[in-house]
mmCIF file of all heavy atoms, coordinates in Angstrom:
data_MODEL
# 
_entry.id   MODEL 
# 
loop_
_atom_site.group_PDB 
_atom_site.id 
_atom_site.type_symbol 
_atom_site.label_atom_id 
_atom_site.label_alt_id 
_atom_site.label_comp_id 
_atom_site.label_asym_id 
_atom_site.label_entity_id 
_atom_site.label_seq_id 
_atom_site.pdbx_PDB_ins_code 
_atom_site.Cartn_x 
_atom_site.Cartn_y 
_atom_site.Cartn_z 
_atom_site.occupancy 
_atom_site.B_iso_or_equiv 
_atom_site.pdbx_formal_charge 
_atom_site.auth_seq_id 
_atom_site.auth_comp_id 
_atom_site.auth_asym_id 
_atom_site.auth_atom_id 
_atom_site.pdbx_PDB_model_num 
ATOM 1   N N   . CYS A 1 1  ? 0.835   -1.199 0.000  1.00 0.00 ? 1  CYS A N   1 
ATOM 2   C CA  . CYS A 1 1  ? 0.000   0.000  0.000  1.00 0.00 ? 1  CYS A CA  1 
ATOM 3   C C   . CYS A 1 1  ? 0.871   1.251  0.000  1.00 0.00 ? 1  CYS A C   1 
ATOM 4   O O   . CYS A 1 1  ? 1.872   1.333  0.721  1.00 0.00 ? 1  CYS A O   1 
ATOM 5   C CB  . CYS A 1 1  ? -0.913  -0.002 1.217  1.00 0.00 ? 1  CYS A CB  1 
ATOM 6   S SG  . CYS A 1 1  ? -1.840  1.537  1.443  1.00 0.00 ? 1  CYS A SG  1 
ATOM 7   N N   . GLY A 1 2  ? 0.459   2.249  -0.763 1.00 0.00 ? 2  GLY A N   1 
ATOM 8   C CA  . GLY A 1 2  ? 1.229   3.477  -0.848 1.00 0.00 ? 2  GLY A CA  1 
ATOM 9   C C   . GLY A 1 2  ? 1.001   4.450  0.297  1.00 0.00 ? 2  GLY A C   1 
ATOM 10  O O   . GLY A 1 2  ? 1.858   5.304  0.566  1.00 0.00 ? 2  GLY A O   1 
ATOM 11  N N   . ALA A 1 3  ? -0.125  4.342  0.995  1.00 0.00 ? 3  ALA A N   1 
ATOM 12  C CA  . ALA A 1 3  ? -0.462  5.347  2.014  1.00 0.00 ? 3  ALA A CA  1 
ATOM 13  C C   . ALA A 1 3  ? 0.574   5.442  3.135  1.00 0.00 ? 3  ALA A C   1 
ATOM 14  O O   . ALA A 1 3  ? 1.042   6.548  3.452  1.00 0.00 ? 3  ALA A O   1 
ATOM 15  C CB  . ALA A 1 3  ? -1.852  5.074  2.584  1.00 0.00 ? 3  ALA A CB  1 
ATOM 16  N N   . PRO A 1 4  ? 0.953   4.334  3.792  1.00 0.00 ? 4  PRO A N   1 
ATOM 17  C CA  . PRO A 1 4  ? 1.941   4.480  4.876  1.00 0.00 ? 4  PRO A CA  1 
ATOM 18  C C   . PRO A 1 4  ? 3.308   4.919  4.386  1.00 0.00 ? 4  PRO A C   1 
ATOM 19  O O   . PRO A 1 4  ? 4.049   5.591  5.116  1.00 0.00 ? 4  PRO A O   1 
ATOM 20  C CB  . PRO A 1 4  ? 1.994   3.079  5.503  1.00 0.00 ? 4  PRO A CB  1 
ATOM 21  C CG  . PRO A 1 4  ? 1.497   2.157  4.444  1.00 0.00 ? 4  PRO A CG  1 
ATOM 22  C CD  . PRO A 1 4  ? 0.490   2.944  3.665  1.00 0.00 ? 4  PRO A CD  1 
ATOM 23  N N   . ILE A 1 5  ? 3.651   4.583  3.146  1.00 0.00 ? 5  ILE A N   1 
ATOM 24  C CA  . ILE A 1 5  ? 4.921   5.060  2.584  1.00 0.00 ? 5  ILE A CA  1 
ATOM 25  C C   . ILE A 1 5  ? 4.882   6.577  2.452  1.00 0.00 ? 5  ILE A C   1 
ATOM 26  O O   . ILE A 1 5  ? 5.845   7.275  2.795  1.00 0.00 ? 5  ILE A O   1 
ATOM 27  C CB  . ILE A 1 5  ? 5.183   4.407  1.213  1.00 0.00 ? 5  ILE A CB  1 
ATOM 28  C CG1 . ILE A 1 5  ? 5.215   2.890  1.331  1.00 0.00 ? 5  ILE A CG1 1 
ATOM 29  C CG2 . ILE A 1 5  ? 6.499   4.919  0.626  1.00 0.00 ? 5  ILE A CG2 1 
ATOM 30  C CD1 . ILE A 1 5  ? 5.306   2.161  -0.006 1.00 0.00 ? 5  ILE A CD1 1 
ATOM 31  N N   . ALA A 1 6  ? 3.757   7.088  1.974  1.00 0.00 ? 6  ALA A N   1 
ATOM 32  C CA  . ALA A 1 6  ? 3.599   8.538  1.852  1.00 0.00 ? 6  ALA A CA  1 
ATOM 33  C C   . ALA A 1 6  ? 3.691   9.219  3.207  1.00 0.00 ? 6  ALA A C   1 
ATOM 34  O O   . ALA A 1 6  ? 4.398   10.219 3.374  1.00 0.00 ? 6  ALA A O   1 
ATOM 35  C CB  . ALA A 1 6  ? 2.258   8.859  1.188  1.00 0.00 ? 6  ALA A CB  1 
ATOM 36  N N   . VAL A 1 7  ? 2.995   8.678  4.202  1.00 0.00 ? 7  VAL A N   1 
ATOM 37  C CA  . VAL A 1 7  ? 2.985   9.278  5.540  1.00 0.00 ? 7  VAL A CA  1 
ATOM 38  C C   . VAL A 1 7  ? 4.380   9.268  6.150  1.00 0.00 ? 7  VAL A C   1 
ATOM 39  O O   . VAL A 1 7  ? 4.848   10.288 6.683  1.00 0.00 ? 7  VAL A O   1 
ATOM 40  C CB  . VAL A 1 7  ? 1.996   8.537  6.453  1.00 0.00 ? 7  VAL A CB  1 
ATOM 41  C CG1 . VAL A 1 7  ? 2.142   9.008  7.898  1.00 0.00 ? 7  VAL A CG1 1 
ATOM 42  C CG2 . VAL A 1 7  ? 0.570   8.745  5.968  1.00 0.00 ? 7  VAL A CG2 1 
ATOM 43  N N   . ARG A 1 8  ? 5.048   8.139  6.100  1.00 0.00 ? 8  ARG A N   1 
ATOM 44  C CA  . ARG A 1 8  ? 6.386   8.047  6.700  1.00 0.00 ? 8  ARG A CA  1 
ATOM 45  C C   . ARG A 1 8  ? 7.347   9.047  6.068  1.00 0.00 ? 8  ARG A C   1 
ATOM 46  O O   . ARG A 1 8  ? 8.136   9.691  6.766  1.00 0.00 ? 8  ARG A O   1 
ATOM 47  C CB  . ARG A 1 8  ? 6.926   6.622  6.533  1.00 0.00 ? 8  ARG A CB  1 
ATOM 48  C CG  . ARG A 1 8  ? 6.235   5.578  7.387  1.00 0.00 ? 8  ARG A CG  1 
ATOM 49  C CD  . ARG A 1 8  ? 6.691   4.179  7.017  1.00 0.00 ? 8  ARG A CD  1 
ATOM 50  N NE  . ARG A 1 8  ? 8.128   4.034  7.176  1.00 0.00 ? 8  ARG A NE  1 
ATOM 51  C CZ  . ARG A 1 8  ? 8.855   3.133  6.507  1.00 0.00 ? 8  ARG A CZ  1 
ATOM 52  N NH1 . ARG A 1 8  ? 8.284   2.337  5.623  1.00 0.00 ? 8  ARG A NH1 1 
ATOM 53  N NH2 . ARG A 1 8  ? 10.151  3.035  6.728  1.00 0.00 ? 8  ARG A NH2 1 
ATOM 54  N N   . THR A 1 9  ? 7.271   9.179  4.747  1.00 0.00 ? 9  THR A N   1 
ATOM 55  C CA  . THR A 1 9  ? 8.189   10.082 4.054  1.00 0.00 ? 9  THR A CA  1 
ATOM 56  C C   . THR A 1 9  ? 7.889   11.538 4.372  1.00 0.00 ? 9  THR A C   1 
ATOM 57  O O   . THR A 1 9  ? 8.803   12.344 4.582  1.00 0.00 ? 9  THR A O   1 
ATOM 58  C CB  . THR A 1 9  ? 8.129   9.840  2.533  1.00 0.00 ? 9  THR A CB  1 
ATOM 59  O OG1 . THR A 1 9  ? 8.282   8.441  2.268  1.00 0.00 ? 9  THR A OG1 1 
ATOM 60  C CG2 . THR A 1 9  ? 9.236   10.601 1.828  1.00 0.00 ? 9  THR A CG2 1 
ATOM 61  N N   . VAL A 1 10 ? 6.620   11.887 4.429  1.00 0.00 ? 10 VAL A N   1 
ATOM 62  C CA  . VAL A 1 10 ? 6.250   13.266 4.766  1.00 0.00 ? 10 VAL A CA  1 
ATOM 63  C C   . VAL A 1 10 ? 6.679   13.602 6.194  1.00 0.00 ? 10 VAL A C   1 
ATOM 64  O O   . VAL A 1 10 ? 7.307   14.654 6.435  1.00 0.00 ? 10 VAL A O   1 
ATOM 65  C CB  . VAL A 1 10 ? 4.738   13.488 4.584  1.00 0.00 ? 10 VAL A CB  1 
ATOM 66  C CG1 . VAL A 1 10 ? 4.309   14.829 5.185  1.00 0.00 ? 10 VAL A CG1 1 
ATOM 67  C CG2 . VAL A 1 10 ? 4.352   13.423 3.115  1.00 0.00 ? 10 VAL A CG2 1 
ATOM 68  N N   . LEU A 1 11 ? 6.387   12.733 7.142  1.00 0.00 ? 11 LEU A N   1 
ATOM 69  C CA  . LEU A 1 11 ? 6.724   13.025 8.533  1.00 0.00 ? 11 LEU A CA  1 
ATOM 70  C C   . LEU A 1 11 ? 8.236   13.050 8.764  1.00 0.00 ? 11 LEU A C   1 
ATOM 71  O O   . LEU A 1 11 ? 8.727   13.780 9.624  1.00 0.00 ? 11 LEU A O   1 
ATOM 72  C CB  . LEU A 1 11 ? 6.071   11.996 9.459  1.00 0.00 ? 11 LEU A CB  1 
ATOM 73  C CG  . LEU A 1 11 ? 4.542   12.013 9.526  1.00 0.00 ? 11 LEU A CG  1 
ATOM 74  C CD1 . LEU A 1 11 ? 4.039   10.978 10.530 1.00 0.00 ? 11 LEU A CD1 1 
ATOM 75  C CD2 . LEU A 1 11 ? 4.020   13.395 9.899  1.00 0.00 ? 11 LEU A CD2 1 
ATOM 76  N N   . ARG A 1 12 ? 8.969   12.275 7.988  1.00 0.00 ? 12 ARG A N   1 
ATOM 77  C CA  . ARG A 1 12 ? 10.421  12.270 8.129  1.00 0.00 ? 12 ARG A CA  1 
ATOM 78  C C   . ARG A 1 12 ? 11.035  13.588 7.668  1.00 0.00 ? 12 ARG A C   1 
ATOM 79  O O   . ARG A 1 12 ? 12.189  13.897 7.988  1.00 0.00 ? 12 ARG A O   1 
ATOM 80  C CB  . ARG A 1 12 ? 11.012  11.103 7.336  1.00 0.00 ? 12 ARG A CB  1 
ATOM 81  C CG  . ARG A 1 12 ? 12.350  10.611 7.904  1.00 0.00 ? 12 ARG A CG  1 
ATOM 82  C CD  . ARG A 1 12 ? 12.983  9.539  7.032  1.00 0.00 ? 12 ARG A CD  1 
ATOM 83  N NE  . ARG A 1 12 ? 12.272  8.284  7.161  1.00 0.00 ? 12 ARG A NE  1 
ATOM 84  C CZ  . ARG A 1 12 ? 11.748  7.622  6.134  1.00 0.00 ? 12 ARG A CZ  1 
ATOM 85  N NH1 . ARG A 1 12 ? 11.824  8.116  4.916  1.00 0.00 ? 12 ARG A NH1 1 
ATOM 86  N NH2 . ARG A 1 12 ? 11.143  6.469  6.316  1.00 0.00 ? 12 ARG A NH2 1 
ATOM 87  N N   . ALA A 1 13 ? 10.271  14.383 6.937  1.00 0.00 ? 13 ALA A N   1 
ATOM 88  C CA  . ALA A 1 13 ? 10.767  15.688 6.491  1.00 0.00 ? 13 ALA A CA  1 
ATOM 89  C C   . ALA A 1 13 ? 10.773  16.714 7.615  1.00 0.00 ? 13 ALA A C   1 
ATOM 90  O O   . ALA A 1 13 ? 11.367  17.787 7.478  1.00 0.00 ? 13 ALA A O   1 
ATOM 91  C CB  . ALA A 1 13 ? 9.931   16.197 5.326  1.00 0.00 ? 13 ALA A CB  1 
ATOM 92  N N   . LEU A 1 14 ? 10.097  16.421 8.723  1.00 0.00 ? 14 LEU A N   1 
ATOM 93  C CA  . LEU A 1 14 ? 10.130  17.324 9.875  1.00 0.00 ? 14 LEU A CA  1 
ATOM 94  C C   . LEU A 1 14 ? 11.532  17.391 10.462 1.00 0.00 ? 14 LEU A C   1 
ATOM 95  O O   . LEU A 1 14 ? 12.234  16.378 10.547 1.00 0.00 ? 14 LEU A O   1 
ATOM 96  C CB  . LEU A 1 14 ? 9.165   16.836 10.961 1.00 0.00 ? 14 LEU A CB  1 
ATOM 97  C CG  . LEU A 1 14 ? 7.673   17.041 10.699 1.00 0.00 ? 14 LEU A CG  1 
ATOM 98  C CD1 . LEU A 1 14 ? 6.855   16.086 11.555 1.00 0.00 ? 14 LEU A CD1 1 
ATOM 99  C CD2 . LEU A 1 14 ? 7.283   18.483 10.992 1.00 0.00 ? 14 LEU A CD2 1 
ATOM 100 N N   . GLU A 1 15 ? 11.935  18.578 10.889 1.00 0.00 ? 15 GLU A N   1 
ATOM 101 C CA  . GLU A 1 15 ? 13.209  18.704 11.593 1.00 0.00 ? 15 GLU A CA  1 
ATOM 102 C C   . GLU A 1 15 ? 13.084  18.059 12.981 1.00 0.00 ? 15 GLU A C   1 
ATOM 103 O O   . GLU A 1 15 ? 12.012  18.105 13.599 1.00 0.00 ? 15 GLU A O   1 
ATOM 104 C CB  . GLU A 1 15 ? 13.597  20.173 11.718 1.00 0.00 ? 15 GLU A CB  1 
ATOM 105 C CG  . GLU A 1 15 ? 13.894  20.850 10.380 1.00 0.00 ? 15 GLU A CG  1 
ATOM 106 C CD  . GLU A 1 15 ? 15.044  20.214 9.633  1.00 0.00 ? 15 GLU A CD  1 
ATOM 107 O OE1 . GLU A 1 15 ? 15.993  19.715 10.294 1.00 0.00 ? 15 GLU A OE1 1 
ATOM 108 O OE2 . GLU A 1 15 ? 14.994  20.175 8.390  1.00 0.00 ? 15 GLU A OE2 1 
ATOM 109 N N   . PRO A 1 16 ? 14.160  17.426 13.472 1.00 0.00 ? 16 PRO A N   1 
ATOM 110 C CA  . PRO A 1 16 ? 14.075  16.667 14.726 1.00 0.00 ? 16 PRO A CA  1 
ATOM 111 C C   . PRO A 1 16 ? 13.543  17.455 15.916 1.00 0.00 ? 16 PRO A C   1 
ATOM 112 O O   . PRO A 1 16 ? 12.882  16.912 16.789 1.00 0.00 ? 16 PRO A O   1 
ATOM 113 C CB  . PRO A 1 16 ? 15.527  16.224 14.964 1.00 0.00 ? 16 PRO A CB  1 
ATOM 114 C CG  . PRO A 1 16 ? 16.142  16.209 13.604 1.00 0.00 ? 16 PRO A CG  1 
ATOM 115 C CD  . PRO A 1 16 ? 15.491  17.323 12.846 1.00 0.00 ? 16 PRO A CD  1 
ATOM 116 N N   . GLU A 1 17 ? 13.824  18.760 15.950 1.00 0.00 ? 17 GLU A N   1 
ATOM 117 C CA  . GLU A 1 17 ? 13.405  19.563 17.099 1.00 0.00 ? 17 GLU A CA  1 
ATOM 118 C C   . GLU A 1 17 ? 11.942  19.983 17.036 1.00 0.00 ? 17 GLU A C   1 
ATOM 119 O O   . GLU A 1 17 ? 11.393  20.483 18.020 1.00 0.00 ? 17 GLU A O   1 
ATOM 120 C CB  . GLU A 1 17 ? 14.293  20.811 17.217 1.00 0.00 ? 17 GLU A CB  1 
ATOM 121 C CG  . GLU A 1 17 ? 14.163  21.802 16.074 1.00 0.00 ? 17 GLU A CG  1 
ATOM 122 C CD  . GLU A 1 17 ? 15.084  21.515 14.893 1.00 0.00 ? 17 GLU A CD  1 
ATOM 123 O OE1 . GLU A 1 17 ? 15.635  20.391 14.835 1.00 0.00 ? 17 GLU A OE1 1 
ATOM 124 O OE2 . GLU A 1 17 ? 15.250  22.410 14.048 1.00 0.00 ? 17 GLU A OE2 1 
ATOM 125 N N   . ASP A 1 18 ? 11.311  19.788 15.886 1.00 0.00 ? 18 ASP A N   1 
ATOM 126 C CA  . ASP A 1 18 ? 9.930   20.229 15.727 1.00 0.00 ? 18 ASP A CA  1 
ATOM 127 C C   . ASP A 1 18 ? 8.940   19.104 16.017 1.00 0.00 ? 18 ASP A C   1 
ATOM 128 O O   . ASP A 1 18 ? 9.197   17.929 15.749 1.00 0.00 ? 18 ASP A O   1 
ATOM 129 C CB  . ASP A 1 18 ? 9.692   20.734 14.295 1.00 0.00 ? 18 ASP A CB  1 
ATOM 130 C CG  . ASP A 1 18 ? 10.430  22.032 14.019 1.00 0.00 ? 18 ASP A CG  1 
ATOM 131 O OD1 . ASP A 1 18 ? 10.776  22.738 14.994 1.00 0.00 ? 18 ASP A OD1 1 
ATOM 132 O OD2 . ASP A 1 18 ? 10.670  22.337 12.835 1.00 0.00 ? 18 ASP A OD2 1 
ATOM 133 N N   . LYS A 1 19 ? 7.818   19.500 16.568 1.00 0.00 ? 19 LYS A N   1 
ATOM 134 C CA  . LYS A 1 19 ? 6.729   18.562 16.823 1.00 0.00 ? 19 LYS A CA  1 
ATOM 135 C C   . LYS A 1 19 ? 5.629   18.795 15.795 1.00 0.00 ? 19 LYS A C   1 
ATOM 136 O O   . LYS A 1 19 ? 5.626   19.799 15.094 1.00 0.00 ? 19 LYS A O   1 
ATOM 137 C CB  . LYS A 1 19 ? 6.190   18.758 18.244 1.00 0.00 ? 19 LYS A CB  1 
ATOM 138 C CG  . LYS A 1 19 ? 7.217   18.525 19.334 1.00 0.00 ? 19 LYS A CG  1 
ATOM 139 C CD  . LYS A 1 19 ? 6.624   18.772 20.715 1.00 0.00 ? 19 LYS A CD  1 
ATOM 140 C CE  . LYS A 1 19 ? 7.671   18.554 21.797 1.00 0.00 ? 19 LYS A CE  1 
ATOM 141 N NZ  . LYS A 1 19 ? 7.118   18.814 23.155 1.00 0.00 ? 19 LYS A NZ  1 
ATOM 142 N N   . ALA A 1 20 ? 4.701   17.858 15.727 1.00 0.00 ? 20 ALA A N   1 
ATOM 143 C CA  . ALA A 1 20 ? 3.620   18.000 14.755 1.00 0.00 ? 20 ALA A CA  1 
ATOM 144 C C   . ALA A 1 20 ? 2.292   17.600 15.375 1.00 0.00 ? 20 ALA A C   1 
ATOM 145 O O   . ALA A 1 20 ? 2.237   16.769 16.299 1.00 0.00 ? 20 ALA A O   1 
ATOM 146 C CB  . ALA A 1 20 ? 3.887   17.143 13.525 1.00 0.00 ? 20 ALA A CB  1 
ATOM 147 N N   . VAL A 1 21 ? 1.239   18.215 14.886 1.00 0.00 ? 21 VAL A N   1 
ATOM 148 C CA  . VAL A 1 21 ? -0.120  17.752 15.138 1.00 0.00 ? 21 VAL A CA  1 
ATOM 149 C C   . VAL A 1 21 ? -0.629  17.213 13.810 1.00 0.00 ? 21 VAL A C   1 
ATOM 150 O O   . VAL A 1 21 ? -0.561  17.897 12.787 1.00 0.00 ? 21 VAL A O   1 
ATOM 151 C CB  . VAL A 1 21 ? -1.036  18.884 15.647 1.00 0.00 ? 21 VAL A CB  1 
ATOM 152 C CG1 . VAL A 1 21 ? -2.452  18.351 15.856 1.00 0.00 ? 21 VAL A CG1 1 
ATOM 153 C CG2 . VAL A 1 21 ? -0.490  19.474 16.932 1.00 0.00 ? 21 VAL A CG2 1 
ATOM 154 N N   . VAL A 1 22 ? -1.083  15.975 13.830 1.00 0.00 ? 22 VAL A N   1 
ATOM 155 C CA  . VAL A 1 22 ? -1.517  15.298 12.616 1.00 0.00 ? 22 VAL A CA  1 
ATOM 156 C C   . VAL A 1 22 ? -2.987  14.945 12.744 1.00 0.00 ? 22 VAL A C   1 
ATOM 157 O O   . VAL A 1 22 ? -3.450  14.543 13.822 1.00 0.00 ? 22 VAL A O   1 
ATOM 158 C CB  . VAL A 1 22 ? -0.694  14.011 12.392 1.00 0.00 ? 22 VAL A CB  1 
ATOM 159 C CG1 . VAL A 1 22 ? -1.194  13.255 11.161 1.00 0.00 ? 22 VAL A CG1 1 
ATOM 160 C CG2 . VAL A 1 22 ? 0.789   14.333 12.249 1.00 0.00 ? 22 VAL A CG2 1 
ATOM 161 N N   . CYS A 1 23 ? -3.725  15.100 11.657 1.00 0.00 ? 23 CYS A N   1 
ATOM 162 C CA  . CYS A 1 23 ? -5.091  14.580 11.645 1.00 0.00 ? 23 CYS A CA  1 
ATOM 163 C C   . CYS A 1 23 ? -5.317  13.807 10.363 1.00 0.00 ? 23 CYS A C   1 
ATOM 164 O O   . CYS A 1 23 ? -4.619  14.003 9.368  1.00 0.00 ? 23 CYS A O   1 
ATOM 165 C CB  . CYS A 1 23 ? -6.128  15.692 11.822 1.00 0.00 ? 23 CYS A CB  1 
ATOM 166 S SG  . CYS A 1 23 ? -6.417  16.718 10.376 1.00 0.00 ? 23 CYS A SG  1 
ATOM 167 N N   . SER A 1 24 ? -6.271  12.907 10.425 1.00 0.00 ? 24 SER A N   1 
ATOM 168 C CA  . SER A 1 24 ? -6.575  12.089 9.259  1.00 0.00 ? 24 SER A CA  1 
ATOM 169 C C   . SER A 1 24 ? -8.073  11.928 9.122  1.00 0.00 ? 24 SER A C   1 
ATOM 170 O O   . SER A 1 24 ? -8.759  11.586 10.087 1.00 0.00 ? 24 SER A O   1 
ATOM 171 C CB  . SER A 1 24 ? -5.918  10.710 9.373  1.00 0.00 ? 24 SER A CB  1 
ATOM 172 O OG  . SER A 1 24 ? -6.325  9.868  8.315  1.00 0.00 ? 24 SER A OG  1 
ATOM 173 N N   . ALA A 1 25 ? -8.546  12.156 7.917  1.00 0.00 ? 25 ALA A N   1 
ATOM 174 C CA  . ALA A 1 25 ? -9.940  11.864 7.627  1.00 0.00 ? 25 ALA A CA  1 
ATOM 175 C C   . ALA A 1 25 ? -10.176 10.363 7.734  1.00 0.00 ? 25 ALA A C   1 
ATOM 176 O O   . ALA A 1 25 ? -9.261  9.558  7.593  1.00 0.00 ? 25 ALA A O   1 
ATOM 177 C CB  . ALA A 1 25 ? -10.287 12.348 6.221  1.00 0.00 ? 25 ALA A CB  1 
ATOM 178 N N   . THR A 1 26 ? -11.407 9.976  8.002  1.00 0.00 ? 26 THR A N   1 
ATOM 179 C CA  . THR A 1 26 ? -11.755 8.564  8.005  1.00 0.00 ? 26 THR A CA  1 
ATOM 180 C C   . THR A 1 26 ? -11.322 7.949  6.681  1.00 0.00 ? 26 THR A C   1 
ATOM 181 O O   . THR A 1 26 ? -11.625 8.463  5.614  1.00 0.00 ? 26 THR A O   1 
ATOM 182 C CB  . THR A 1 26 ? -13.270 8.394  8.191  1.00 0.00 ? 26 THR A CB  1 
ATOM 183 O OG1 . THR A 1 26 ? -13.639 8.953  9.450  1.00 0.00 ? 26 THR A OG1 1 
ATOM 184 C CG2 . THR A 1 26 ? -13.659 6.935  8.158  1.00 0.00 ? 26 THR A CG2 1 
ATOM 185 N N   . SER A 1 27 ? -10.573 6.850  6.766  1.00 0.00 ? 27 SER A N   1 
ATOM 186 C CA  . SER A 1 27 ? -9.966  6.277  5.563  1.00 0.00 ? 27 SER A CA  1 
ATOM 187 C C   . SER A 1 27 ? -9.292  4.967  5.940  1.00 0.00 ? 27 SER A C   1 
ATOM 188 O O   . SER A 1 27 ? -9.244  4.584  7.111  1.00 0.00 ? 27 SER A O   1 
ATOM 189 C CB  . SER A 1 27 ? -8.908  7.241  5.007  1.00 0.00 ? 27 SER A CB  1 
ATOM 190 O OG  . SER A 1 27 ? -7.925  7.511  6.000  1.00 0.00 ? 27 SER A OG  1 
# 
């Protein structure tokens, strides 16, 4: 499946010192 690959790659673009708030539509 491509979805978790997309998510992992996007989140890995965050700088280590930064935090994130993530939301996901029902899917």
